[in-house]
Amino acid sequence: MSLDRLVLWRHGETDYNLAGRIQGHLDSSLTANGIAQAEHAAPAIAAFEPAVAVSSDLNRARTTAAAYAKVSGEPVKLDKRLRETHVGEWQGLSGAEVEHGWPGALNTWRADPTWAPPGGESRVEVATRAVEVVTELDDQYEDTALLCAHGGLITALTAKLLALPVELWPGLGGVRNCHWVVLKRRSPSDHRWRLMAYNAGVQAHV
């Protein structure tokens, strides 16, 4: 038994996203726009017909995943290993505040996935804990799994599953709020992952 497809869905806009502050493990909430984003994207996510759905236990991901559950009628499991990168002393700060307190460190963090903010974790560490979730689902389910999580975790997990050299991880761009990534196994006999969609989303209301 093994998964054939993974859908990695980022949460909707939060108050911290709007304010330009770094969230990490802080339990921020969706804005009204973020809730609308989740409700708008949920039918497209449900159309993947996942055999299992798992969400980060942080509020912004749980609320986003609840929009999928409402549309699909399917339950969503929670797993704290899908939390965003813990950014230690940077949590709650703006980019300007981080630059003031740790000159040049933001650029180092963005360029080196093995580097961790003070008191936090690296993107390599984030990918390692997220892969544990995928491995466990792989042993229990077939077809499609949905993970509702966070931008930093999704890019790190995508890079890890594609077996990209660590120095190439920063080449993956960010995933927008309520957009998603789709990975698919190459074949029943070749379990390596292929990237089928990246930063995909539904057209906004006009």
N, C-alpha and C. Protein backbone atom coordinates (compact mmCIF):
# COMPACT_ATOMS: atom_id res chain seq x y z
N MET A 1 0.85 -1.20 0.00
CA MET A 1 0.00 0.00 0.00
C MET A 1 0.88 1.25 0.00
N SER A 2 0.55 2.20 -0.86
CA SER A 2 1.30 3.46 -0.87
C SER A 2 0.48 4.54 -1.56
N LEU A 3 0.78 5.76 -1.21
CA LEU A 3 0.10 6.90 -1.81
C LEU A 3 0.50 7.05 -3.27
N ASP A 4 -0.40 7.59 -4.05
CA ASP A 4 -0.10 7.91 -5.45
C ASP A 4 0.08 9.41 -5.65
N ARG A 5 -0.57 10.21 -4.76
CA ARG A 5 -0.55 11.66 -4.96
C ARG A 5 -0.61 12.38 -3.62
N LEU A 6 0.07 13.51 -3.55
CA LEU A 6 0.03 14.37 -2.37
C LEU A 6 -0.43 15.76 -2.79
N VAL A 7 -1.35 16.32 -2.02
CA VAL A 7 -1.77 17.71 -2.22
C VAL A 7 -1.40 18.47 -0.95
N LEU A 8 -0.56 19.49 -1.09
CA LEU A 8 -0.08 20.28 0.04
C LEU A 8 -0.72 21.66 -0.06
N TRP A 9 -1.63 21.96 0.86
CA TRP A 9 -2.47 23.16 0.78
C TRP A 9 -2.09 24.14 1.88
N ARG A 10 -1.72 25.36 1.48
CA ARG A 10 -1.37 26.37 2.47
C ARG A 10 -2.63 27.04 3.01
N HIS A 11 -2.55 27.45 4.27
CA HIS A 11 -3.68 28.12 4.93
C HIS A 11 -3.98 29.49 4.30
N GLY A 12 -5.14 30.02 4.63
CA GLY A 12 -5.53 31.34 4.16
C GLY A 12 -4.80 32.46 4.87
N GLU A 13 -5.07 33.67 4.41
CA GLU A 13 -4.42 34.87 4.96
C GLU A 13 -4.71 35.02 6.45
N THR A 14 -3.67 35.39 7.20
CA THR A 14 -3.82 35.62 8.63
C THR A 14 -3.58 37.09 8.97
N ASP A 15 -3.90 37.43 10.21
CA ASP A 15 -3.64 38.79 10.68
C ASP A 15 -2.13 39.09 10.65
N TYR A 16 -1.32 38.09 10.92
CA TYR A 16 0.14 38.28 10.87
C TYR A 16 0.63 38.44 9.44
N ASN A 17 0.07 37.67 8.50
CA ASN A 17 0.42 37.86 7.09
C ASN A 17 0.14 39.30 6.67
N LEU A 18 -1.01 39.80 7.08
CA LEU A 18 -1.44 41.14 6.70
C LEU A 18 -0.52 42.20 7.30
N ALA A 19 -0.05 41.94 8.50
CA ALA A 19 0.83 42.90 9.19
C ALA A 19 2.30 42.72 8.81
N GLY A 20 2.62 41.68 8.04
CA GLY A 20 4.01 41.45 7.66
C GLY A 20 4.87 40.96 8.80
N ARG A 21 4.27 40.17 9.69
CA ARG A 21 5.02 39.64 10.84
C ARG A 21 5.21 38.13 10.70
N ILE A 22 6.32 37.65 11.26
CA ILE A 22 6.70 36.25 11.16
C ILE A 22 5.94 35.45 12.22
N GLN A 23 5.23 34.41 11.79
CA GLN A 23 4.36 33.68 12.71
C GLN A 23 5.04 32.51 13.40
N GLY A 24 5.71 31.65 12.62
CA GLY A 24 6.27 30.45 13.22
C GLY A 24 5.20 29.63 13.90
N HIS A 25 5.41 29.31 15.19
CA HIS A 25 4.45 28.51 15.94
C HIS A 25 3.40 29.35 16.64
N LEU A 26 3.45 30.67 16.50
CA LEU A 26 2.42 31.51 17.10
C LEU A 26 1.07 31.15 16.49
N ASP A 27 0.03 31.12 17.33
CA ASP A 27 -1.26 30.59 16.87
C ASP A 27 -2.16 31.72 16.36
N SER A 28 -1.79 32.26 15.23
CA SER A 28 -2.52 33.37 14.64
C SER A 28 -3.83 32.88 14.00
N SER A 29 -4.71 33.84 13.72
CA SER A 29 -6.03 33.53 13.17
C SER A 29 -6.16 34.01 11.74
N LEU A 30 -7.07 33.39 11.00
CA LEU A 30 -7.38 33.86 9.66
C LEU A 30 -8.12 35.19 9.72
N THR A 31 -7.83 36.06 8.75
CA THR A 31 -8.63 37.25 8.57
C THR A 31 -9.94 36.87 7.90
N ALA A 32 -10.85 37.82 7.78
CA ALA A 32 -12.09 37.56 7.04
C ALA A 32 -11.78 37.17 5.60
N ASN A 33 -10.76 37.82 5.04
CA ASN A 33 -10.34 37.47 3.68
C ASN A 33 -9.77 36.06 3.63
N GLY A 34 -9.02 35.69 4.66
CA GLY A 34 -8.44 34.34 4.72
C GLY A 34 -9.51 33.27 4.79
N ILE A 35 -10.57 33.53 5.55
CA ILE A 35 -11.68 32.58 5.62
C ILE A 35 -12.36 32.47 4.26
N ALA A 36 -12.53 33.62 3.59
CA ALA A 36 -13.14 33.60 2.25
C ALA A 36 -12.26 32.85 1.26
N GLN A 37 -10.94 33.02 1.37
CA GLN A 37 -10.02 32.29 0.50
C GLN A 37 -10.19 30.79 0.68
N ALA A 38 -10.26 30.35 1.94
CA ALA A 38 -10.39 28.92 2.22
C ALA A 38 -11.71 28.37 1.67
N GLU A 39 -12.79 29.12 1.87
CA GLU A 39 -14.09 28.68 1.38
C GLU A 39 -14.12 28.64 -0.15
N HIS A 40 -13.42 29.56 -0.78
CA HIS A 40 -13.40 29.63 -2.24
C HIS A 40 -12.57 28.47 -2.83
N ALA A 41 -11.48 28.12 -2.15
CA ALA A 41 -10.59 27.06 -2.66
C ALA A 41 -11.06 25.66 -2.29
N ALA A 42 -11.86 25.54 -1.24
CA ALA A 42 -12.23 24.22 -0.71
C ALA A 42 -12.84 23.28 -1.74
N PRO A 43 -13.75 23.74 -2.62
CA PRO A 43 -14.30 22.81 -3.60
C PRO A 43 -13.24 22.24 -4.55
N ALA A 44 -12.25 23.05 -4.92
CA ALA A 44 -11.18 22.56 -5.78
C ALA A 44 -10.32 21.54 -5.05
N ILE A 45 -10.10 21.76 -3.77
CA ILE A 45 -9.34 20.80 -2.96
C ILE A 45 -10.13 19.51 -2.81
N ALA A 46 -11.43 19.62 -2.55
CA ALA A 46 -12.27 18.43 -2.40
C ALA A 46 -12.32 17.61 -3.68
N ALA A 47 -12.15 18.28 -4.83
CA ALA A 47 -12.20 17.57 -6.12
C ALA A 47 -11.05 16.59 -6.29
N PHE A 48 -9.98 16.75 -5.49
CA PHE A 48 -8.89 15.77 -5.52
C PHE A 48 -9.31 14.45 -4.87
N GLU A 49 -10.41 14.47 -4.14
CA GLU A 49 -10.95 13.28 -3.46
C GLU A 49 -9.90 12.55 -2.62
N PRO A 50 -9.30 13.27 -1.68
CA PRO A 50 -8.27 12.62 -0.86
C PRO A 50 -8.83 11.47 -0.02
N ALA A 51 -8.03 10.43 0.10
CA ALA A 51 -8.39 9.31 0.96
C ALA A 51 -8.21 9.67 2.42
N VAL A 52 -7.35 10.64 2.69
CA VAL A 52 -7.10 11.09 4.06
C VAL A 52 -6.69 12.56 4.01
N ALA A 53 -7.11 13.30 5.02
CA ALA A 53 -6.74 14.71 5.15
C ALA A 53 -6.14 14.93 6.53
N VAL A 54 -4.99 15.58 6.56
CA VAL A 54 -4.30 15.86 7.82
C VAL A 54 -3.92 17.34 7.83
N SER A 55 -4.13 17.99 8.96
CA SER A 55 -3.82 19.41 9.09
C SER A 55 -2.85 19.65 10.24
N SER A 56 -2.05 20.68 10.09
CA SER A 56 -1.34 21.24 11.24
C SER A 56 -2.35 21.56 12.32
N ASP A 57 -1.92 21.48 13.58
CA ASP A 57 -2.84 21.78 14.67
C ASP A 57 -2.94 23.27 14.98
N LEU A 58 -2.17 24.10 14.29
CA LEU A 58 -2.27 25.54 14.51
C LEU A 58 -3.57 26.07 13.92
N ASN A 59 -4.14 27.07 14.57
CA ASN A 59 -5.48 27.55 14.26
C ASN A 59 -5.66 27.93 12.79
N ARG A 60 -4.66 28.60 12.21
CA ARG A 60 -4.82 29.08 10.83
C ARG A 60 -4.95 27.93 9.84
N ALA A 61 -4.27 26.82 10.11
CA ALA A 61 -4.40 25.64 9.25
C ALA A 61 -5.68 24.89 9.55
N ARG A 62 -6.01 24.75 10.83
CA ARG A 62 -7.24 24.04 11.21
C ARG A 62 -8.47 24.71 10.62
N THR A 63 -8.51 26.03 10.67
CA THR A 63 -9.67 26.75 10.15
C THR A 63 -9.76 26.59 8.63
N THR A 64 -8.61 26.61 7.96
CA THR A 64 -8.59 26.39 6.52
C THR A 64 -9.08 24.99 6.19
N ALA A 65 -8.56 24.00 6.91
CA ALA A 65 -8.95 22.60 6.68
C ALA A 65 -10.43 22.39 6.95
N ALA A 66 -10.99 23.15 7.89
CA ALA A 66 -12.42 23.02 8.21
C ALA A 66 -13.29 23.38 7.02
N ALA A 67 -12.80 24.30 6.17
CA ALA A 67 -13.56 24.65 4.96
C ALA A 67 -13.64 23.47 4.01
N TYR A 68 -12.53 22.71 3.92
CA TYR A 68 -12.54 21.48 3.12
C TYR A 68 -13.49 20.46 3.73
N ALA A 69 -13.43 20.28 5.04
CA ALA A 69 -14.29 19.29 5.71
C ALA A 69 -15.77 19.62 5.50
N LYS A 70 -16.10 20.90 5.52
CA LYS A 70 -17.49 21.32 5.33
C LYS A 70 -18.00 20.97 3.93
N VAL A 71 -17.14 21.16 2.93
CA VAL A 71 -17.53 20.88 1.55
C VAL A 71 -17.58 19.38 1.28
N SER A 72 -16.58 18.66 1.79
CA SER A 72 -16.43 17.24 1.46
C SER A 72 -17.19 16.31 2.38
N GLY A 73 -17.45 16.77 3.60
CA GLY A 73 -18.06 15.90 4.59
C GLY A 73 -17.09 14.91 5.18
N GLU A 74 -15.80 15.08 4.87
CA GLU A 74 -14.78 14.14 5.36
C GLU A 74 -14.06 14.71 6.58
N PRO A 75 -13.61 13.83 7.48
CA PRO A 75 -12.90 14.31 8.67
C PRO A 75 -11.47 14.76 8.34
N VAL A 76 -10.92 15.55 9.22
CA VAL A 76 -9.54 16.01 9.10
C VAL A 76 -8.80 15.66 10.38
N LYS A 77 -7.68 14.96 10.25
CA LYS A 77 -6.84 14.65 11.40
C LYS A 77 -5.90 15.83 11.66
N LEU A 78 -5.43 15.94 12.90
CA LEU A 78 -4.48 16.99 13.27
C LEU A 78 -3.14 16.36 13.62
N ASP A 79 -2.06 17.03 13.21
CA ASP A 79 -0.71 16.54 13.51
C ASP A 79 0.22 17.73 13.70
N LYS A 80 0.77 17.85 14.90
CA LYS A 80 1.63 19.01 15.20
C LYS A 80 2.94 18.99 14.41
N ARG A 81 3.28 17.85 13.82
CA ARG A 81 4.50 17.80 12.99
C ARG A 81 4.33 18.59 11.70
N LEU A 82 3.11 19.01 11.39
CA LEU A 82 2.87 19.82 10.20
C LEU A 82 2.88 21.32 10.51
N ARG A 83 3.29 21.68 11.72
CA ARG A 83 3.39 23.10 12.06
C ARG A 83 4.45 23.80 11.22
N GLU A 84 4.30 25.12 11.14
CA GLU A 84 5.27 25.94 10.43
C GLU A 84 6.63 25.87 11.12
N THR A 85 7.64 26.33 10.44
CA THR A 85 8.99 26.43 11.00
C THR A 85 8.96 27.22 12.31
N HIS A 86 9.58 26.67 13.34
CA HIS A 86 9.74 27.43 14.58
C HIS A 86 10.90 28.40 14.37
N VAL A 87 10.59 29.69 14.46
CA VAL A 87 11.65 30.68 14.17
C VAL A 87 12.20 31.32 15.44
N GLY A 88 12.01 30.66 16.57
CA GLY A 88 12.67 31.07 17.81
C GLY A 88 12.41 32.51 18.19
N GLU A 89 13.49 33.26 18.37
CA GLU A 89 13.41 34.65 18.85
C GLU A 89 12.80 35.59 17.83
N TRP A 90 12.61 35.12 16.60
CA TRP A 90 12.02 35.97 15.57
C TRP A 90 10.50 35.95 15.55
N GLN A 91 9.89 35.05 16.27
CA GLN A 91 8.44 34.92 16.19
C GLN A 91 7.74 36.20 16.63
N GLY A 92 6.83 36.66 15.78
CA GLY A 92 6.09 37.88 16.06
C GLY A 92 6.74 39.15 15.56
N LEU A 93 7.96 39.04 15.05
CA LEU A 93 8.67 40.23 14.58
C LEU A 93 8.43 40.48 13.10
N SER A 94 8.61 41.72 12.70
CA SER A 94 8.59 42.06 11.28
C SER A 94 9.97 41.81 10.68
N GLY A 95 10.04 41.78 9.37
CA GLY A 95 11.33 41.62 8.71
C GLY A 95 12.29 42.73 9.10
N ALA A 96 11.78 43.96 9.20
CA ALA A 96 12.64 45.09 9.57
C ALA A 96 13.18 44.93 10.98
N GLU A 97 12.35 44.42 11.89
CA GLU A 97 12.81 44.21 13.28
C GLU A 97 13.87 43.11 13.35
N VAL A 98 13.70 42.06 12.56
CA VAL A 98 14.72 41.01 12.52
C VAL A 98 16.02 41.56 11.96
N GLU A 99 15.93 42.34 10.90
CA GLU A 99 17.14 42.91 10.28
C GLU A 99 17.85 43.84 11.25
N HIS A 100 17.08 44.57 12.04
CA HIS A 100 17.68 45.48 13.02
C HIS A 100 18.41 44.70 14.12
N GLY A 101 17.79 43.64 14.58
CA GLY A 101 18.37 42.88 15.69
C GLY A 101 19.44 41.89 15.27
N TRP A 102 19.32 41.37 14.04
CA TRP A 102 20.26 40.36 13.53
C TRP A 102 20.64 40.72 12.09
N PRO A 103 21.45 41.74 11.91
CA PRO A 103 21.76 42.23 10.56
C PRO A 103 22.28 41.11 9.64
N GLY A 104 21.62 40.97 8.48
CA GLY A 104 22.05 39.98 7.50
C GLY A 104 21.53 38.58 7.71
N ALA A 105 20.92 38.33 8.89
CA ALA A 105 20.52 36.95 9.21
C ALA A 105 19.36 36.47 8.35
N LEU A 106 18.45 37.37 7.99
CA LEU A 106 17.33 36.96 7.14
C LEU A 106 17.83 36.42 5.80
N ASN A 107 18.80 37.10 5.23
CA ASN A 107 19.35 36.64 3.95
C ASN A 107 20.04 35.29 4.11
N THR A 108 20.72 35.10 5.23
CA THR A 108 21.37 33.81 5.50
C THR A 108 20.33 32.70 5.61
N TRP A 109 19.26 32.98 6.33
CA TRP A 109 18.18 32.00 6.53
C TRP A 109 17.55 31.62 5.19
N ARG A 110 17.31 32.61 4.35
CA ARG A 110 16.68 32.34 3.05
C ARG A 110 17.60 31.56 2.12
N ALA A 111 18.89 31.74 2.27
CA ALA A 111 19.85 31.13 1.35
C ALA A 111 20.34 29.76 1.79
N ASP A 112 20.23 29.45 3.09
CA ASP A 112 20.81 28.22 3.62
C ASP A 112 19.78 27.43 4.41
N PRO A 113 19.20 26.38 3.83
CA PRO A 113 18.17 25.60 4.52
C PRO A 113 18.67 24.86 5.76
N THR A 114 19.99 24.78 5.96
CA THR A 114 20.51 24.12 7.14
C THR A 114 20.68 25.09 8.31
N TRP A 115 20.47 26.38 8.06
CA TRP A 115 20.67 27.41 9.09
C TRP A 115 19.36 27.67 9.83
N ALA A 116 19.43 27.80 11.13
CA ALA A 116 18.24 28.03 11.94
C ALA A 116 18.30 29.40 12.61
N PRO A 117 17.17 30.09 12.71
CA PRO A 117 17.12 31.33 13.49
C PRO A 117 17.45 31.04 14.95
N PRO A 118 17.87 32.03 15.71
CA PRO A 118 18.24 31.80 17.11
C PRO A 118 17.07 31.22 17.91
N GLY A 119 17.28 30.03 18.46
CA GLY A 119 16.24 29.36 19.23
C GLY A 119 15.20 28.64 18.39
N GLY A 120 15.42 28.59 17.08
CA GLY A 120 14.45 27.98 16.18
C GLY A 120 14.99 26.74 15.49
N GLU A 121 14.37 26.39 14.38
CA GLU A 121 14.78 25.20 13.63
C GLU A 121 15.03 25.54 12.17
N SER A 122 15.84 24.71 11.53
CA SER A 122 16.17 24.92 10.12
C SER A 122 15.08 24.31 9.23
N ARG A 123 15.10 24.69 7.96
CA ARG A 123 14.13 24.11 7.01
C ARG A 123 14.39 22.62 6.80
N VAL A 124 15.63 22.20 6.92
CA VAL A 124 15.93 20.77 6.81
C VAL A 124 15.26 20.01 7.95
N GLU A 125 15.30 20.58 9.15
CA GLU A 125 14.64 19.94 10.30
C GLU A 125 13.12 19.91 10.11
N VAL A 126 12.57 20.98 9.56
CA VAL A 126 11.13 21.03 9.29
C VAL A 126 10.74 19.93 8.30
N ALA A 127 11.51 19.81 7.22
CA ALA A 127 11.23 18.79 6.21
C ALA A 127 11.30 17.39 6.80
N THR A 128 12.24 17.16 7.69
CA THR A 128 12.42 15.84 8.29
C THR A 128 11.18 15.43 9.08
N ARG A 129 10.63 16.35 9.88
CA ARG A 129 9.43 15.99 10.66
C ARG A 129 8.20 15.85 9.77
N ALA A 130 8.15 16.65 8.71
CA ALA A 130 7.00 16.53 7.80
C ALA A 130 7.05 15.23 7.01
N VAL A 131 8.23 14.79 6.62
CA VAL A 131 8.37 13.53 5.89
C VAL A 131 7.90 12.36 6.75
N GLU A 132 8.07 12.45 8.06
CA GLU A 132 7.59 11.38 8.94
C GLU A 132 6.08 11.19 8.76
N VAL A 133 5.35 12.28 8.62
CA VAL A 133 3.90 12.20 8.43
C VAL A 133 3.59 11.51 7.10
N VAL A 134 4.28 11.93 6.04
CA VAL A 134 4.05 11.33 4.72
C VAL A 134 4.36 9.83 4.74
N THR A 135 5.45 9.46 5.39
CA THR A 135 5.84 8.05 5.46
C THR A 135 4.78 7.21 6.16
N GLU A 136 4.23 7.74 7.25
CA GLU A 136 3.19 7.01 7.98
C GLU A 136 1.92 6.87 7.13
N LEU A 137 1.53 7.94 6.44
CA LEU A 137 0.36 7.87 5.57
C LEU A 137 0.58 6.90 4.42
N ASP A 138 1.81 6.85 3.95
CA ASP A 138 2.18 5.97 2.84
C ASP A 138 1.94 4.50 3.20
N ASP A 139 2.11 4.19 4.47
CA ASP A 139 1.93 2.81 4.93
C ASP A 139 0.46 2.45 5.16
N GLN A 140 -0.42 3.47 5.19
CA GLN A 140 -1.81 3.23 5.58
C GLN A 140 -2.82 3.50 4.48
N TYR A 141 -2.45 4.29 3.47
CA TYR A 141 -3.43 4.73 2.48
C TYR A 141 -2.93 4.58 1.06
N GLU A 142 -3.88 4.54 0.15
CA GLU A 142 -3.59 4.56 -1.27
C GLU A 142 -4.18 5.85 -1.85
N ASP A 143 -3.92 6.06 -3.12
CA ASP A 143 -4.47 7.21 -3.83
C ASP A 143 -3.91 8.53 -3.31
N THR A 144 -4.78 9.45 -2.85
CA THR A 144 -4.37 10.83 -2.57
C THR A 144 -4.43 11.15 -1.09
N ALA A 145 -3.43 11.89 -0.61
CA ALA A 145 -3.46 12.44 0.75
C ALA A 145 -3.39 13.96 0.66
N LEU A 146 -4.17 14.62 1.50
CA LEU A 146 -4.18 16.08 1.60
C LEU A 146 -3.52 16.49 2.90
N LEU A 147 -2.54 17.39 2.81
CA LEU A 147 -1.92 17.98 3.99
C LEU A 147 -2.22 19.47 3.96
N CYS A 148 -2.85 19.98 4.99
CA CYS A 148 -3.11 21.41 5.12
C CYS A 148 -2.09 21.98 6.09
N ALA A 149 -1.23 22.84 5.59
CA ALA A 149 -0.10 23.26 6.41
C ALA A 149 0.31 24.70 6.11
N HIS A 150 1.59 24.96 6.08
CA HIS A 150 2.15 26.31 6.08
C HIS A 150 3.18 26.47 4.97
N GLY A 151 3.38 27.71 4.55
CA GLY A 151 4.24 27.97 3.40
C GLY A 151 5.65 27.44 3.53
N GLY A 152 6.30 27.71 4.66
CA GLY A 152 7.67 27.25 4.83
C GLY A 152 7.78 25.74 4.86
N LEU A 153 6.84 25.10 5.57
CA LEU A 153 6.84 23.63 5.61
C LEU A 153 6.59 23.04 4.24
N ILE A 154 5.65 23.62 3.50
CA ILE A 154 5.31 23.06 2.19
C ILE A 154 6.49 23.14 1.23
N THR A 155 7.18 24.25 1.19
CA THR A 155 8.33 24.35 0.28
C THR A 155 9.44 23.40 0.70
N ALA A 156 9.69 23.29 2.00
CA ALA A 156 10.74 22.39 2.49
C ALA A 156 10.38 20.93 2.20
N LEU A 157 9.14 20.56 2.46
CA LEU A 157 8.71 19.18 2.22
C LEU A 157 8.75 18.85 0.74
N THR A 158 8.34 19.79 -0.10
CA THR A 158 8.39 19.57 -1.54
C THR A 158 9.82 19.31 -2.00
N ALA A 159 10.73 20.14 -1.55
CA ALA A 159 12.14 19.98 -1.93
C ALA A 159 12.69 18.63 -1.46
N LYS A 160 12.32 18.25 -0.24
CA LYS A 160 12.79 16.98 0.32
C LYS A 160 12.24 15.79 -0.46
N LEU A 161 10.94 15.82 -0.76
CA LEU A 161 10.33 14.69 -1.47
C LEU A 161 10.84 14.57 -2.91
N LEU A 162 11.22 15.70 -3.50
CA LEU A 162 11.77 15.67 -4.85
C LEU A 162 13.26 15.32 -4.86
N ALA A 163 13.83 15.13 -3.67
CA ALA A 163 15.25 14.79 -3.51
C ALA A 163 16.16 15.86 -4.13
N LEU A 164 15.75 17.12 -4.01
CA LEU A 164 16.60 18.19 -4.50
C LEU A 164 17.81 18.35 -3.59
N PRO A 165 18.98 18.62 -4.15
CA PRO A 165 20.13 18.94 -3.30
C PRO A 165 19.79 20.15 -2.43
N VAL A 166 20.24 20.12 -1.19
CA VAL A 166 19.85 21.16 -0.24
C VAL A 166 20.19 22.56 -0.75
N GLU A 167 21.30 22.69 -1.47
CA GLU A 167 21.68 24.02 -1.94
C GLU A 167 20.71 24.57 -2.99
N LEU A 168 19.85 23.69 -3.54
CA LEU A 168 18.87 24.14 -4.53
C LEU A 168 17.50 24.44 -3.92
N TRP A 169 17.31 24.13 -2.66
CA TRP A 169 16.01 24.35 -2.03
C TRP A 169 15.54 25.80 -2.13
N PRO A 170 16.42 26.79 -1.94
CA PRO A 170 15.96 28.18 -2.03
C PRO A 170 15.43 28.57 -3.42
N GLY A 171 15.66 27.72 -4.43
CA GLY A 171 15.15 27.99 -5.77
C GLY A 171 13.65 27.81 -5.90
N LEU A 172 13.01 27.19 -4.90
CA LEU A 172 11.55 27.06 -4.90
C LEU A 172 10.94 28.34 -4.33
N GLY A 173 10.05 28.95 -5.07
CA GLY A 173 9.39 30.16 -4.59
C GLY A 173 8.35 29.86 -3.52
N GLY A 174 7.86 30.90 -2.90
CA GLY A 174 6.85 30.74 -1.87
C GLY A 174 5.50 30.32 -2.43
N VAL A 175 4.68 29.73 -1.58
CA VAL A 175 3.33 29.34 -1.95
C VAL A 175 2.36 30.35 -1.35
N ARG A 176 1.49 30.90 -2.15
CA ARG A 176 0.58 31.94 -1.70
C ARG A 176 -0.51 31.36 -0.80
N ASN A 177 -1.14 32.24 -0.04
CA ASN A 177 -2.24 31.80 0.84
C ASN A 177 -3.31 31.04 0.06
N CYS A 178 -3.69 29.88 0.59
CA CYS A 178 -4.72 29.01 0.03
C CYS A 178 -4.39 28.49 -1.36
N HIS A 179 -3.13 28.51 -1.75
CA HIS A 179 -2.66 27.84 -2.97
C HIS A 179 -2.07 26.50 -2.57
N TRP A 180 -1.75 25.68 -3.55
CA TRP A 180 -1.32 24.33 -3.23
C TRP A 180 -0.27 23.80 -4.19
N VAL A 181 0.32 22.69 -3.75
CA VAL A 181 1.34 21.95 -4.50
C VAL A 181 0.81 20.54 -4.70
N VAL A 182 1.04 19.96 -5.87
CA VAL A 182 0.63 18.58 -6.15
C VAL A 182 1.86 17.78 -6.56
N LEU A 183 2.09 16.67 -5.87
CA LEU A 183 3.16 15.73 -6.21
C LEU A 183 2.54 14.38 -6.52
N LYS A 184 3.12 13.68 -7.47
CA LYS A 184 2.57 12.39 -7.87
C LYS A 184 3.71 11.39 -8.05
N ARG A 185 3.43 10.14 -7.70
CA ARG A 185 4.42 9.10 -7.90
C ARG A 185 4.63 8.84 -9.40
N ARG A 186 5.85 8.52 -9.77
CA ARG A 186 6.16 8.35 -11.20
C ARG A 186 5.40 7.17 -11.81
N SER A 187 5.32 6.07 -11.08
CA SER A 187 4.61 4.89 -11.56
C SER A 187 4.42 3.94 -10.39
N PRO A 188 3.60 2.90 -10.54
CA PRO A 188 3.43 1.94 -9.44
C PRO A 188 4.74 1.27 -9.03
N SER A 189 5.68 1.17 -9.95
CA SER A 189 6.95 0.52 -9.63
C SER A 189 8.07 1.51 -9.30
N ASP A 190 7.84 2.79 -9.58
CA ASP A 190 8.84 3.83 -9.31
C ASP A 190 8.20 4.83 -8.36
N HIS A 191 8.56 4.76 -7.10
CA HIS A 191 7.89 5.55 -6.08
C HIS A 191 8.49 6.93 -5.88
N ARG A 192 9.39 7.32 -6.74
CA ARG A 192 9.91 8.69 -6.64
C ARG A 192 8.80 9.68 -6.97
N TRP A 193 8.86 10.85 -6.32
CA TRP A 193 7.84 11.86 -6.53
C TRP A 193 8.17 12.78 -7.69
N ARG A 194 7.14 13.19 -8.42
CA ARG A 194 7.27 14.20 -9.46
C ARG A 194 6.39 15.40 -9.10
N LEU A 195 6.85 16.58 -9.46
CA LEU A 195 6.08 17.80 -9.22
C LEU A 195 5.11 18.02 -10.36
N MET A 196 3.81 18.02 -10.06
CA MET A 196 2.78 18.18 -11.08
C MET A 196 2.19 19.59 -11.11
N ALA A 197 2.17 20.25 -9.95
CA ALA A 197 1.66 21.63 -9.87
C ALA A 197 2.31 22.31 -8.69
N TYR A 198 2.60 23.60 -8.85
CA TYR A 198 3.25 24.34 -7.77
C TYR A 198 2.62 25.73 -7.69
N ASN A 199 2.19 26.11 -6.49
CA ASN A 199 1.55 27.41 -6.27
C ASN A 199 0.29 27.53 -7.13
N ALA A 200 -0.44 26.44 -7.23
CA ALA A 200 -1.70 26.43 -7.98
C ALA A 200 -2.82 27.01 -7.12
N GLY A 201 -3.84 27.56 -7.78
CA GLY A 201 -4.96 28.13 -7.04
C GLY A 201 -6.16 28.32 -7.94
N VAL A 202 -7.23 28.77 -7.34
CA VAL A 202 -8.44 29.07 -8.09
C VAL A 202 -8.52 30.57 -8.33
N GLN A 203 -9.15 30.96 -9.40
CA GLN A 203 -9.27 32.37 -9.72
C GLN A 203 -10.12 33.07 -8.68
N ALA A 204 -9.65 34.23 -8.25
CA ALA A 204 -10.39 34.98 -7.23
C ALA A 204 -11.69 35.53 -7.80
N HIS A 205 -12.62 35.79 -6.90
CA HIS A 205 -13.87 36.42 -7.33
C HIS A 205 -13.60 37.81 -7.88
N VAL A 206 -14.36 38.21 -8.88
CA VAL A 206 -14.21 39.55 -9.45
C VAL A 206 -15.50 40.35 -9.24
